[in-house]
């Protein structure tokens, strides 16, 4: 061996040599060996702790959501428009007193606030 060659030094041979690590038991494609009591040697996954999750703020809204047909939605829109017209007639009536108009506005606002709270 030539003393100037990189392979002439026995230590360089050891440093340059790569050995494969021994196979780990989890990387093996073989089934696990049973333990002395007959159970598998693979660790079991912990049980999920779903009981600790807080309920969603949406409740079951999206679970019970029903999609309506276009006909029913257009019927609702027509009913809404007719009710709006009735309210406008009530507010623009010249024979109604101001106190009656204010009571009507107050009632509508209370109904709206109850609707928003639901």
PDB file of N, CA and C in Angstrom:
ATOM      1  N   UNK A   1       0.830  -1.184   0.000  1.00  0.00           N
ATOM      2  CA  UNK A   1       0.000   0.000   0.000  1.00  0.00           C
ATOM      3  C   UNK A   1       0.863   1.231   0.000  1.00  0.00           C
ATOM      4  N   UNK A   2       0.412   2.206  -0.703  1.00  0.00           N
ATOM      5  CA  UNK A   2       1.100   3.480  -0.800  1.00  0.00           C
ATOM      6  C   UNK A   2       0.722   4.324   0.412  1.00  0.00           C
ATOM      7  N   UNK A   3       1.715   4.842   1.174  1.00  0.00           N
ATOM      8  CA  UNK A   3       1.394   5.630   2.363  1.00  0.00           C
ATOM      9  C   UNK A   3       0.663   6.904   2.039  1.00  0.00           C
ATOM     10  N   UNK A   4       0.751   7.432   0.815  1.00  0.00           N
ATOM     11  CA  UNK A   4       0.084   8.683   0.464  1.00  0.00           C
ATOM     12  C   UNK A   4      -1.380   8.458   0.066  1.00  0.00           C
ATOM     13  N   UNK A   5      -1.800   7.252  -0.215  1.00  0.00           N
ATOM     14  CA  UNK A   5      -3.179   7.020  -0.653  1.00  0.00           C
ATOM     15  C   UNK A   5      -4.131   7.122   0.543  1.00  0.00           C
ATOM     16  N   UNK A   6      -5.354   7.588   0.351  1.00  0.00           N
ATOM     17  CA  UNK A   6      -6.283   7.772   1.458  1.00  0.00           C
ATOM     18  C   UNK A   6      -6.708   6.448   2.079  1.00  0.00           C
ATOM     19  N   UNK A   7      -6.642   5.376   1.332  1.00  0.00           N
ATOM     20  CA  UNK A   7      -7.084   4.088   1.867  1.00  0.00           C
ATOM     21  C   UNK A   7      -5.978   3.342   2.599  1.00  0.00           C
ATOM     22  N   UNK A   8      -4.779   3.895   2.622  1.00  0.00           N
ATOM     23  CA  UNK A   8      -3.673   3.195   3.261  1.00  0.00           C
ATOM     24  C   UNK A   8      -3.770   3.261   4.775  1.00  0.00           C
ATOM     25  N   UNK A   9      -4.388   4.262   5.311  1.00  0.00           N
ATOM     26  CA  UNK A   9      -4.523   4.398   6.754  1.00  0.00           C
ATOM     27  C   UNK A   9      -5.696   3.530   7.225  1.00  0.00           C
ATOM     28  N   UNK A  10      -5.476   2.595   8.146  1.00  0.00           N
ATOM     29  CA  UNK A  10      -6.578   1.748   8.600  1.00  0.00           C
ATOM     30  C   UNK A  10      -7.680   2.540   9.284  1.00  0.00           C
ATOM     31  N   UNK A  11      -7.336   3.659   9.941  1.00  0.00           N
ATOM     32  CA  UNK A  11      -8.379   4.464  10.595  1.00  0.00           C
ATOM     33  C   UNK A  11      -9.305   5.102   9.564  1.00  0.00           C
ATOM     34  N   UNK A  12      -8.764   5.515   8.405  1.00  0.00           N
ATOM     35  CA  UNK A  12      -9.616   6.125   7.388  1.00  0.00           C
ATOM     36  C   UNK A  12     -10.581   5.103   6.821  1.00  0.00           C
ATOM     37  N   UNK A  13     -10.179   3.839   6.808  1.00  0.00           N
ATOM     38  CA  UNK A  13     -11.093   2.803   6.348  1.00  0.00           C
ATOM     39  C   UNK A  13     -12.287   2.684   7.292  1.00  0.00           C
ATOM     40  N   UNK A  14     -12.034   2.781   8.564  1.00  0.00           N
ATOM     41  CA  UNK A  14     -13.117   2.652   9.536  1.00  0.00           C
ATOM     42  C   UNK A  14     -14.025   3.880   9.489  1.00  0.00           C
ATOM     43  N   UNK A  15     -13.426   5.057   9.336  1.00  0.00           N
ATOM     44  CA  UNK A  15     -14.215   6.286   9.311  1.00  0.00           C
ATOM     45  C   UNK A  15     -15.073   6.348   8.062  1.00  0.00           C
ATOM     46  N   UNK A  16     -14.541   5.921   6.923  1.00  0.00           N
ATOM     47  CA  UNK A  16     -15.265   6.016   5.668  1.00  0.00           C
ATOM     48  C   UNK A  16     -16.306   4.917   5.507  1.00  0.00           C
ATOM     49  N   UNK A  17     -16.222   3.866   6.273  1.00  0.00           N
ATOM     50  CA  UNK A  17     -17.158   2.759   6.133  1.00  0.00           C
ATOM     51  C   UNK A  17     -18.460   3.126   6.852  1.00  0.00           C
ATOM     52  N   UNK A  18     -19.555   2.931   6.156  1.00  0.00           N
ATOM     53  CA  UNK A  18     -20.866   3.192   6.758  1.00  0.00           C
ATOM     54  C   UNK A  18     -21.555   1.862   6.994  1.00  0.00           C
ATOM     55  N   UNK A  19     -21.956   1.683   8.191  1.00  0.00           N
ATOM     56  CA  UNK A  19     -22.678   0.467   8.512  1.00  0.00           C
ATOM     57  C   UNK A  19     -24.152   0.815   8.692  1.00  0.00           C
ATOM     58  N   UNK A  20     -24.996  -0.065   8.224  1.00  0.00           N
ATOM     59  CA  UNK A  20     -26.430   0.142   8.379  1.00  0.00           C
ATOM     60  C   UNK A  20     -26.816  -0.120   9.822  1.00  0.00           C
ATOM     61  N   UNK A  21     -27.700   0.688  10.369  1.00  0.00           N
ATOM     62  CA  UNK A  21     -28.132   0.448  11.748  1.00  0.00           C
ATOM     63  C   UNK A  21     -28.942  -0.843  11.818  1.00  0.00           C
ATOM     64  N   UNK A  22     -28.967  -1.472  12.936  1.00  0.00           N
ATOM     65  CA  UNK A  22     -29.757  -2.697  13.042  1.00  0.00           C
ATOM     66  C   UNK A  22     -31.234  -2.374  12.866  1.00  0.00           C
ATOM     67  N   UNK A  23     -31.985  -3.273  12.259  1.00  0.00           N
ATOM     68  CA  UNK A  23     -33.409  -2.996  12.031  1.00  0.00           C
ATOM     69  C   UNK A  23     -34.149  -2.860  13.356  1.00  0.00           C
ATOM     70  N   UNK A  24     -35.024  -1.857  13.393  1.00  0.00           N
ATOM     71  CA  UNK A  24     -35.792  -1.657  14.625  1.00  0.00           C
ATOM     72  C   UNK A  24     -37.026  -2.547  14.570  1.00  0.00           C
ATOM     73  N   UNK A  25     -37.532  -2.952  15.693  1.00  0.00           N
ATOM     74  CA  UNK A  25     -38.690  -3.838  15.689  1.00  0.00           C
ATOM     75  C   UNK A  25     -39.943  -3.171  15.142  1.00  0.00           C
ATOM     76  N   UNK A  26     -40.038  -1.833  15.187  1.00  0.00           N
ATOM     77  CA  UNK A  26     -41.232  -1.174  14.661  1.00  0.00           C
ATOM     78  C   UNK A  26     -41.183  -1.040  13.157  1.00  0.00           C
ATOM     79  N   UNK A  27     -39.995  -1.074  12.541  1.00  0.00           N
ATOM     80  CA  UNK A  27     -39.880  -0.966  11.097  1.00  0.00           C
ATOM     81  C   UNK A  27     -40.012  -2.315  10.420  1.00  0.00           C
ATOM     82  N   UNK A  28     -40.084  -3.356  11.162  1.00  0.00           N
ATOM     83  CA  UNK A  28     -40.125  -4.697  10.608  1.00  0.00           C
ATOM     84  C   UNK A  28     -41.464  -4.936   9.933  1.00  0.00           C
ATOM     85  N   UNK A  29     -41.435  -5.675   8.844  1.00  0.00           N
ATOM     86  CA  UNK A  29     -42.675  -6.020   8.166  1.00  0.00           C
ATOM     87  C   UNK A  29     -43.266  -7.302   8.727  1.00  0.00           C
ATOM     88  N   UNK A  30     -42.586  -7.909   9.668  1.00  0.00           N
ATOM     89  CA  UNK A  30     -43.086  -9.128  10.289  1.00  0.00           C
ATOM     90  C   UNK A  30     -44.098  -8.781  11.371  1.00  0.00           C
ATOM     91  N   UNK A  31     -45.056  -9.670  11.615  1.00  0.00           N
ATOM     92  CA  UNK A  31     -46.013  -9.386  12.685  1.00  0.00           C
ATOM     93  C   UNK A  31     -45.321  -9.434  14.033  1.00  0.00           C
ATOM     94  N   UNK A  32     -45.862  -8.742  15.019  1.00  0.00           N
ATOM     95  CA  UNK A  32     -45.214  -8.721  16.336  1.00  0.00           C
ATOM     96  C   UNK A  32     -45.301 -10.085  17.006  1.00  0.00           C
ATOM     97  N   UNK A  33     -44.321 -10.356  17.799  1.00  0.00           N
ATOM     98  CA  UNK A  33     -44.326 -11.597  18.557  1.00  0.00           C
ATOM     99  C   UNK A  33     -45.252 -11.439  19.752  1.00  0.00           C
ATOM    100  N   UNK A  34     -45.999 -12.469  20.077  1.00  0.00           N
ATOM    101  CA  UNK A  34     -46.869 -12.354  21.242  1.00  0.00           C
ATOM    102  C   UNK A  34     -46.052 -12.336  22.516  1.00  0.00           C
ATOM    103  N   UNK A  35     -46.537 -11.607  23.486  1.00  0.00           N
ATOM    104  CA  UNK A  35     -45.876 -11.547  24.789  1.00  0.00           C
ATOM    105  C   UNK A  35     -46.176 -12.835  25.548  1.00  0.00           C
ATOM    106  N   UNK A  36     -45.601 -12.958  26.710  1.00  0.00           N
ATOM    107  CA  UNK A  36     -45.778 -14.177  27.498  1.00  0.00           C
ATOM    108  C   UNK A  36     -47.245 -14.409  27.849  1.00  0.00           C
ATOM    109  N   UNK A  37     -48.011 -13.327  28.016  1.00  0.00           N
ATOM    110  CA  UNK A  37     -49.419 -13.503  28.374  1.00  0.00           C
ATOM    111  C   UNK A  37     -50.327 -13.571  27.148  1.00  0.00           C
ATOM    112  N   UNK A  38     -49.759 -13.595  25.946  1.00  0.00           N
ATOM    113  CA  UNK A  38     -50.537 -13.758  24.727  1.00  0.00           C
ATOM    114  C   UNK A  38     -50.938 -12.465  24.055  1.00  0.00           C
ATOM    115  N   UNK A  39     -50.632 -11.321  24.645  1.00  0.00           N
ATOM    116  CA  UNK A  39     -50.977 -10.042  24.031  1.00  0.00           C
ATOM    117  C   UNK A  39     -49.897  -9.623  23.050  1.00  0.00           C
ATOM    118  N   UNK A  40     -50.232  -8.713  22.145  1.00  0.00           N
ATOM    119  CA  UNK A  40     -49.280  -8.203  21.170  1.00  0.00           C
ATOM    120  C   UNK A  40     -48.256  -7.313  21.866  1.00  0.00           C
ATOM    121  N   UNK A  41     -47.054  -7.253  21.306  1.00  0.00           N
ATOM    122  CA  UNK A  41     -46.011  -6.417  21.897  1.00  0.00           C
ATOM    123  C   UNK A  41     -46.074  -4.984  21.397  1.00  0.00           C
ATOM    124  N   UNK A  42     -46.916  -4.692  20.389  1.00  0.00           N
ATOM    125  CA  UNK A  42     -47.052  -3.315  19.924  1.00  0.00           C
ATOM    126  C   UNK A  42     -47.783  -2.502  20.988  1.00  0.00           C
ATOM    127  N   UNK A  43     -47.351  -1.269  21.207  1.00  0.00           N
ATOM    128  CA  UNK A  43     -48.079  -0.447  22.185  1.00  0.00           C
ATOM    129  C   UNK A  43     -49.438  -0.066  21.625  1.00  0.00           C
ATOM    130  N   UNK A  44     -50.407   0.041  22.479  1.00  0.00           N
ATOM    131  CA  UNK A  44     -51.746   0.429  22.036  1.00  0.00           C
ATOM    132  C   UNK A  44     -51.868   1.943  22.070  1.00  0.00           C
ATOM    133  N   UNK A  45     -52.683   2.462  21.174  1.00  0.00           N
ATOM    134  CA  UNK A  45     -52.901   3.912  21.106  1.00  0.00           C
ATOM    135  C   UNK A  45     -53.789   4.327  22.272  1.00  0.00           C
ATOM    136  N   UNK A  46     -53.553   5.501  22.826  1.00  0.00           N
ATOM    137  CA  UNK A  46     -54.414   5.958  23.923  1.00  0.00           C
ATOM    138  C   UNK A  46     -55.818   6.241  23.414  1.00  0.00           C
ATOM    139  N   UNK A  47     -56.778   6.087  24.278  1.00  0.00           N
ATOM    140  CA  UNK A  47     -58.165   6.357  23.924  1.00  0.00           C
ATOM    141  C   UNK A  47     -58.338   7.857  23.686  1.00  0.00           C
ATOM    142  N   UNK A  48     -59.097   8.240  22.659  1.00  0.00           N
ATOM    143  CA  UNK A  48     -59.320   9.673  22.443  1.00  0.00           C
ATOM    144  C   UNK A  48     -60.146  10.256  23.582  1.00  0.00           C
ATOM    145  N   UNK A  49     -59.814  11.477  23.957  1.00  0.00           N
ATOM    146  CA  UNK A  49     -60.495  12.134  25.069  1.00  0.00           C
ATOM    147  C   UNK A  49     -61.532  13.108  24.532  1.00  0.00           C
ATOM    148  N   UNK A  50     -62.525  12.600  23.824  1.00  0.00           N
ATOM    149  CA  UNK A  50     -63.527  13.466  23.222  1.00  0.00           C
ATOM    150  C   UNK A  50     -64.471  14.061  24.257  1.00  0.00           C
ATOM    151  N   UNK A  51     -64.524  13.488  25.442  1.00  0.00           N
ATOM    152  CA  UNK A  51     -65.416  14.023  26.468  1.00  0.00           C
ATOM    153  C   UNK A  51     -64.947  15.380  26.973  1.00  0.00           C
ATOM    154  N   UNK A  52     -63.711  15.744  26.709  1.00  0.00           N
ATOM    155  CA  UNK A  52     -63.187  17.015  27.192  1.00  0.00           C
ATOM    156  C   UNK A  52     -63.460  18.176  26.238  1.00  0.00           C
ATOM    157  N   UNK A  53     -64.006  17.909  25.042  1.00  0.00           N
ATOM    158  CA  UNK A  53     -64.276  18.978  24.099  1.00  0.00           C
ATOM    159  C   UNK A  53     -65.505  19.759  24.544  1.00  0.00           C
ATOM    160  N   UNK A  54     -65.439  21.073  24.416  1.00  0.00           N
ATOM    161  CA  UNK A  54     -66.568  21.918  24.767  1.00  0.00           C
ATOM    162  C   UNK A  54     -67.572  21.901  23.621  1.00  0.00           C
ATOM    163  N   UNK A  55     -68.850  22.052  23.905  1.00  0.00           N
ATOM    164  CA  UNK A  55     -69.831  22.086  22.823  1.00  0.00           C
ATOM    165  C   UNK A  55     -69.618  23.324  21.955  1.00  0.00           C
ATOM    166  N   UNK A  56     -69.941  23.196  20.702  1.00  0.00           N
ATOM    167  CA  UNK A  56     -69.752  24.293  19.768  1.00  0.00           C
ATOM    168  C   UNK A  56     -70.783  25.391  20.009  1.00  0.00           C
ATOM    169  N   UNK A  57     -70.428  26.616  19.672  1.00  0.00           N
ATOM    170  CA  UNK A  57     -71.363  27.726  19.842  1.00  0.00           C
ATOM    171  C   UNK A  57     -72.520  27.622  18.852  1.00  0.00           C
ATOM    172  N   UNK A  58     -72.340  26.858  17.791  1.00  0.00           N
ATOM    173  CA  UNK A  58     -73.383  26.721  16.779  1.00  0.00           C
ATOM    174  C   UNK A  58     -74.425  25.678  17.179  1.00  0.00           C
ATOM    175  N   UNK A  59     -74.145  24.881  18.218  1.00  0.00           N
ATOM    176  CA  UNK A  59     -75.095  23.844  18.614  1.00  0.00           C
ATOM    177  C   UNK A  59     -75.270  22.836  17.491  1.00  0.00           C
ATOM    178  N   UNK A  60     -76.514  22.445  17.239  1.00  0.00           N
ATOM    179  CA  UNK A  60     -76.770  21.503  16.150  1.00  0.00           C
ATOM    180  C   UNK A  60     -77.413  22.213  14.961  1.00  0.00           C
ATOM    181  N   UNK A  61     -77.131  23.500  14.803  1.00  0.00           N
ATOM    182  CA  UNK A  61     -77.751  24.284  13.736  1.00  0.00           C
ATOM    183  C   UNK A  61     -77.499  23.675  12.365  1.00  0.00           C
ATOM    184  N   UNK A  62     -76.242  23.343  12.071  1.00  0.00           N
ATOM    185  CA  UNK A  62     -75.919  22.847  10.741  1.00  0.00           C
ATOM    186  C   UNK A  62     -76.320  21.385  10.565  1.00  0.00           C
ATOM    187  N   UNK A  63     -76.494  20.665  11.667  1.00  0.00           N
ATOM    188  CA  UNK A  63     -76.950  19.281  11.566  1.00  0.00           C
ATOM    189  C   UNK A  63     -78.421  19.252  11.187  1.00  0.00           C
ATOM    190  N   UNK A  64     -79.201  20.171  11.745  1.00  0.00           N
ATOM    191  CA  UNK A  64     -80.639  20.189  11.499  1.00  0.00           C
ATOM    192  C   UNK A  64     -81.035  21.175  10.402  1.00  0.00           C
ATOM    193  N   UNK A  65     -80.086  21.766   9.737  1.00  0.00           N
ATOM    194  CA  UNK A  65     -80.375  22.749   8.699  1.00  0.00           C
ATOM    195  C   UNK A  65     -81.107  22.090   7.539  1.00  0.00           C
ATOM    196  N   UNK A  66     -82.214  22.679   7.143  1.00  0.00           N
ATOM    197  CA  UNK A  66     -83.009  22.154   6.038  1.00  0.00           C
ATOM    198  C   UNK A  66     -82.952  23.174   4.909  1.00  0.00           C
ATOM    199  N   UNK A  67     -82.574  22.704   3.742  1.00  0.00           N
ATOM    200  CA  UNK A  67     -82.543  23.585   2.589  1.00  0.00           C
ATOM    201  C   UNK A  67     -83.935  23.613   1.973  1.00  0.00           C
ATOM    202  N   UNK A  68     -84.419  24.815   1.719  1.00  0.00           N
ATOM    203  CA  UNK A  68     -85.767  24.981   1.204  1.00  0.00           C
ATOM    204  C   UNK A  68     -85.722  25.211  -0.298  1.00  0.00           C
ATOM    205  N   UNK A  69     -86.825  24.885  -0.931  1.00  0.00           N
ATOM    206  CA  UNK A  69     -86.905  25.074  -2.374  1.00  0.00           C
ATOM    207  C   UNK A  69     -87.051  26.562  -2.697  1.00  0.00           C
ATOM    208  N   UNK A  70     -86.807  26.890  -3.943  1.00  0.00           N
ATOM    209  CA  UNK A  70     -86.904  28.291  -4.370  1.00  0.00           C
ATOM    210  C   UNK A  70     -88.334  28.799  -4.271  1.00  0.00           C
ATOM    211  N   UNK A  71     -89.320  27.902  -4.464  1.00  0.00           N
ATOM    212  CA  UNK A  71     -90.721  28.318  -4.392  1.00  0.00           C
ATOM    213  C   UNK A  71     -91.082  28.767  -2.980  1.00  0.00           C
ATOM    214  N   UNK A  72     -90.630  28.007  -1.972  1.00  0.00           N
ATOM    215  CA  UNK A  72     -90.971  28.390  -0.601  1.00  0.00           C
ATOM    216  C   UNK A  72     -90.261  29.680  -0.205  1.00  0.00           C
ATOM    217  N   UNK A  73     -89.024  29.844  -0.652  1.00  0.00           N
ATOM    218  CA  UNK A  73     -88.285  31.071  -0.339  1.00  0.00           C
ATOM    219  C   UNK A  73     -88.937  32.268  -1.017  1.00  0.00           C
ATOM    220  N   UNK A  74     -89.361  32.115  -2.263  1.00  0.00           N
ATOM    221  CA  UNK A  74     -90.013  33.237  -2.950  1.00  0.00           C
ATOM    222  C   UNK A  74     -91.359  33.547  -2.302  1.00  0.00           C
ATOM    223  N   UNK A  75     -92.051  32.526  -1.780  1.00  0.00           N
ATOM    224  CA  UNK A  75     -93.305  32.764  -1.054  1.00  0.00           C
ATOM    225  C   UNK A  75     -93.061  33.554   0.214  1.00  0.00           C
ATOM    226  N   UNK A  76     -91.990  33.220   0.913  1.00  0.00           N
ATOM    227  CA  UNK A  76     -91.638  33.967   2.121  1.00  0.00           C
ATOM    228  C   UNK A  76     -91.295  35.407   1.779  1.00  0.00           C
ATOM    229  N   UNK A  77     -90.553  35.598   0.700  1.00  0.00           N
ATOM    230  CA  UNK A  77     -90.181  36.960   0.292  1.00  0.00           C
ATOM    231  C   UNK A  77     -91.418  37.780  -0.053  1.00  0.00           C
ATOM    232  N   UNK A  78     -92.405  37.167  -0.710  1.00  0.00           N
ATOM    233  CA  UNK A  78     -93.641  37.879  -1.033  1.00  0.00           C
ATOM    234  C   UNK A  78     -94.394  38.258   0.241  1.00  0.00           C
ATOM    235  N   UNK A  79     -94.426  37.337   1.208  1.00  0.00           N
ATOM    236  CA  UNK A  79     -95.103  37.628   2.471  1.00  0.00           C
ATOM    237  C   UNK A  79     -94.389  38.752   3.215  1.00  0.00           C
ATOM    238  N   UNK A  80     -93.075  38.751   3.194  1.00  0.00           N
ATOM    239  CA  UNK A  80     -92.301  39.809   3.851  1.00  0.00           C
ATOM    240  C   UNK A  80     -92.604  41.157   3.215  1.00  0.00           C
ATOM    241  N   UNK A  81     -92.635  41.196   1.895  1.00  0.00           N
ATOM    242  CA  UNK A  81     -92.910  42.458   1.199  1.00  0.00           C
ATOM    243  C   UNK A  81     -94.319  42.967   1.507  1.00  0.00           C
ATOM    244  N   UNK A  82     -95.297  42.065   1.569  1.00  0.00           N
ATOM    245  CA  UNK A  82     -96.665  42.522   1.872  1.00  0.00           C
ATOM    246  C   UNK A  82     -96.759  43.050   3.308  1.00  0.00           C
ATOM    247  N   UNK A  83     -96.035  42.407   4.243  1.00  0.00           N
ATOM    248  CA  UNK A  83     -96.037  42.906   5.623  1.00  0.00           C
ATOM    249  C   UNK A  83     -95.327  44.250   5.729  1.00  0.00           C
ATOM    250  N   UNK A  84     -94.279  44.442   4.954  1.00  0.00           N
ATOM    251  CA  UNK A  84     -93.597  45.743   4.947  1.00  0.00           C
ATOM    252  C   UNK A  84     -94.534  46.835   4.450  1.00  0.00           C
ATOM    253  N   UNK A  85     -95.315  46.519   3.418  1.00  0.00           N
ATOM    254  CA  UNK A  85     -96.254  47.503   2.882  1.00  0.00           C
ATOM    255  C   UNK A  85     -97.327  47.850   3.915  1.00  0.00           C
ATOM    256  N   UNK A  86     -97.805  46.837   4.654  1.00  0.00           N
ATOM    257  CA  UNK A  86     -98.801  47.097   5.695  1.00  0.00           C
ATOM    258  C   UNK A  86     -98.244  48.026   6.770  1.00  0.00           C
ATOM    259  N   UNK A  87     -97.002  47.803   7.171  1.00  0.00           N
ATOM    260  CA  UNK A  87     -96.382  48.652   8.188  1.00  0.00           C
ATOM    261  C   UNK A  87     -96.230  50.074   7.661  1.00  0.00           C
ATOM    262  N   UNK A  88     -95.834  50.216   6.404  1.00  0.00           N
ATOM    263  CA  UNK A  88     -95.694  51.559   5.822  1.00  0.00           C
ATOM    264  C   UNK A  88     -97.043  52.277   5.788  1.00  0.00           C
ATOM    265  N   UNK A  89     -98.113  51.530   5.484  1.00  0.00           N
ATOM    266  CA  UNK A  89     -99.445  52.138   5.477  1.00  0.00           C
ATOM    267  C   UNK A  89     -99.820  52.586   6.887  1.00  0.00           C
ATOM    268  N   UNK A  90     -99.505  51.745   7.884  1.00  0.00           N
ATOM    269  CA  UNK A  90     -99.821  52.103   9.273  1.00  0.00           C
ATOM    270  C   UNK A  90     -99.058  53.344   9.710  1.00  0.00           C
ATOM    271  N   UNK A  91     -97.792  53.437   9.309  1.00  0.00           N
ATOM    272  CA  UNK A  91     -96.985  54.585   9.720  1.00  0.00           C
ATOM    273  C   UNK A  91     -97.362  55.859   8.970  1.00  0.00           C
ATOM    274  N   UNK A  92     -97.818  55.723   7.753  1.00  0.00           N
ATOM    275  CA  UNK A  92     -98.131  56.921   6.962  1.00  0.00           C
ATOM    276  C   UNK A  92     -99.595  57.338   7.081  1.00  0.00           C
ATOM    277  N   UNK A  93    -100.378  56.600   7.850  1.00  0.00           N
ATOM    278  CA  UNK A  93    -101.787  56.965   8.024  1.00  0.00           C
ATOM    279  C   UNK A  93    -101.869  58.320   8.729  1.00  0.00           C
ATOM    280  N   UNK A  94    -102.659  59.223   8.138  1.00  0.00           N
ATOM    281  CA  UNK A  94    -102.753  60.573   8.686  1.00  0.00           C
ATOM    282  C   UNK A  94    -103.666  60.634   9.903  1.00  0.00           C
ATOM    283  N   UNK A  95    -104.600  59.676  10.002  1.00  0.00           N
ATOM    284  CA  UNK A  95    -105.531  59.735  11.122  1.00  0.00           C
ATOM    285  C   UNK A  95    -104.938  59.138  12.408  1.00  0.00           C
ATOM    286  N   UNK A  96    -103.785  58.451  12.318  1.00  0.00           N
ATOM    287  CA  UNK A  96    -103.171  57.863  13.516  1.00  0.00           C
ATOM    288  C   UNK A  96    -102.454  58.949  14.309  1.00  0.00           C
ATOM    289  N   UNK A  97    -102.578  58.841  15.623  1.00  0.00           N
ATOM    290  CA  UNK A  97    -101.902  59.797  16.488  1.00  0.00           C
ATOM    291  C   UNK A  97    -100.421  59.463  16.546  1.00  0.00           C
ATOM    292  N   UNK A  98     -99.653  60.453  16.934  1.00  0.00           N
ATOM    293  CA  UNK A  98     -98.207  60.259  17.052  1.00  0.00           C
ATOM    294  C   UNK A  98     -97.880  59.190  18.092  1.00  0.00           C
ATOM    295  N   UNK A  99     -98.634  59.155  19.184  1.00  0.00           N
ATOM    296  CA  UNK A  99     -98.375  58.155  20.231  1.00  0.00           C
ATOM    297  C   UNK A  99     -98.630  56.740  19.710  1.00  0.00           C
ATOM    298  N   UNK A 100     -99.647  56.578  18.849  1.00  0.00           N
ATOM    299  CA  UNK A 100     -99.917  55.262  18.268  1.00  0.00           C
ATOM    300  C   UNK A 100     -98.773  54.831  17.342  1.00  0.00           C
ATOM    301  N   UNK A 101     -98.250  55.774  16.589  1.00  0.00           N
ATOM    302  CA  UNK A 101     -97.131  55.461  15.689  1.00  0.00           C
ATOM    303  C   UNK A 101     -95.890  55.070  16.491  1.00  0.00           C
ATOM    304  N   UNK A 102     -95.643  55.827  17.578  1.00  0.00           N
ATOM    305  CA  UNK A 102     -94.481  55.498  18.411  1.00  0.00           C
ATOM    306  C   UNK A 102     -94.641  54.132  19.081  1.00  0.00           C
ATOM    307  N   UNK A 103     -95.872  53.811  19.512  1.00  0.00           N
ATOM    308  CA  UNK A 103     -96.118  52.485  20.088  1.00  0.00           C
ATOM    309  C   UNK A 103     -95.888  51.383  19.050  1.00  0.00           C
ATOM    310  N   UNK A 104     -96.308  51.625  17.823  1.00  0.00           N
ATOM    311  CA  UNK A 104     -96.087  50.646  16.753  1.00  0.00           C
ATOM    312  C   UNK A 104     -94.595  50.442  16.504  1.00  0.00           C
ATOM    313  N   UNK A 105     -93.850  51.542  16.434  1.00  0.00           N
ATOM    314  CA  UNK A 105     -92.397  51.448  16.220  1.00  0.00           C
ATOM    315  C   UNK A 105     -91.736  50.715  17.386  1.00  0.00           C
ATOM    316  N   UNK A 106     -92.169  51.026  18.601  1.00  0.00           N
ATOM    317  CA  UNK A 106     -91.605  50.375  19.787  1.00  0.00           C
ATOM    318  C   UNK A 106     -91.887  48.867  19.766  1.00  0.00           C
ATOM    319  N   UNK A 107     -93.109  48.496  19.387  1.00  0.00           N
ATOM    320  CA  UNK A 107     -93.471  47.074  19.318  1.00  0.00           C
ATOM    321  C   UNK A 107     -92.640  46.347  18.270  1.00  0.00           C
ATOM    322  N   UNK A 108     -92.453  46.973  17.127  1.00  0.00           N
ATOM    323  CA  UNK A 108     -91.645  46.354  16.062  1.00  0.00           C
ATOM    324  C   UNK A 108     -90.207  46.172  16.522  1.00  0.00           C
ATOM    325  N   UNK A 109     -89.666  47.165  17.209  1.00  0.00           N
ATOM    326  CA  UNK A 109     -88.286  47.046  17.705  1.00  0.00           C
ATOM    327  C   UNK A 109     -88.160  45.937  18.746  1.00  0.00           C
ATOM    328  N   UNK A 110     -89.155  45.804  19.635  1.00  0.00           N
ATOM    329  CA  UNK A 110     -89.096  44.735  20.636  1.00  0.00           C
ATOM    330  C   UNK A 110     -89.194  43.361  19.981  1.00  0.00           C
ATOM    331  N   UNK A 111     -90.054  43.237  18.991  1.00  0.00           N
ATOM    332  CA  UNK A 111     -90.149  41.961  18.270  1.00  0.00           C
ATOM    333  C   UNK A 111     -88.830  41.629  17.582  1.00  0.00           C
ATOM    334  N   UNK A 112     -88.194  42.629  16.998  1.00  0.00           N
ATOM    335  CA  UNK A 112     -86.920  42.413  16.303  1.00  0.00           C
ATOM    336  C   UNK A 112     -85.821  41.994  17.281  1.00  0.00           C
ATOM    337  N   UNK A 113     -85.800  42.644  18.467  1.00  0.00           N
ATOM    338  CA  UNK A 113     -84.765  42.287  19.441  1.00  0.00           C
ATOM    339  C   UNK A 113     -84.994  40.879  19.989  1.00  0.00           C
ATOM    340  N   UNK A 114     -86.252  40.460  20.171  1.00  0.00           N
ATOM    341  CA  UNK A 114     -86.528  39.083  20.596  1.00  0.00           C
ATOM    342  C   UNK A 114     -86.105  38.092  19.520  1.00  0.00           C
ATOM    343  N   UNK A 115     -86.326  38.445  18.278  1.00  0.00           N
ATOM    344  CA  UNK A 115     -85.952  37.569  17.161  1.00  0.00           C
ATOM    345  C   UNK A 115     -84.440  37.396  17.103  1.00  0.00           C
ATOM    346  N   UNK A 116     -83.699  38.484  17.347  1.00  0.00           N
ATOM    347  CA  UNK A 116     -82.235  38.418  17.296  1.00  0.00           C
ATOM    348  C   UNK A 116     -81.664  37.595  18.444  1.00  0.00           C
ATOM    349  N   UNK A 117     -82.349  37.586  19.602  1.00  0.00           N
ATOM    350  CA  UNK A 117     -81.850  36.844  20.759  1.00  0.00           C
ATOM    351  C   UNK A 117     -82.022  35.341  20.599  1.00  0.00           C
ATOM    352  N   UNK A 118     -82.940  34.896  19.767  1.00  0.00           N
ATOM    353  CA  UNK A 118     -83.187  33.451  19.608  1.00  0.00           C
ATOM    354  C   UNK A 118     -82.090  32.774  18.884  1.00  0.00           C
TER     355      UNK A 118
END
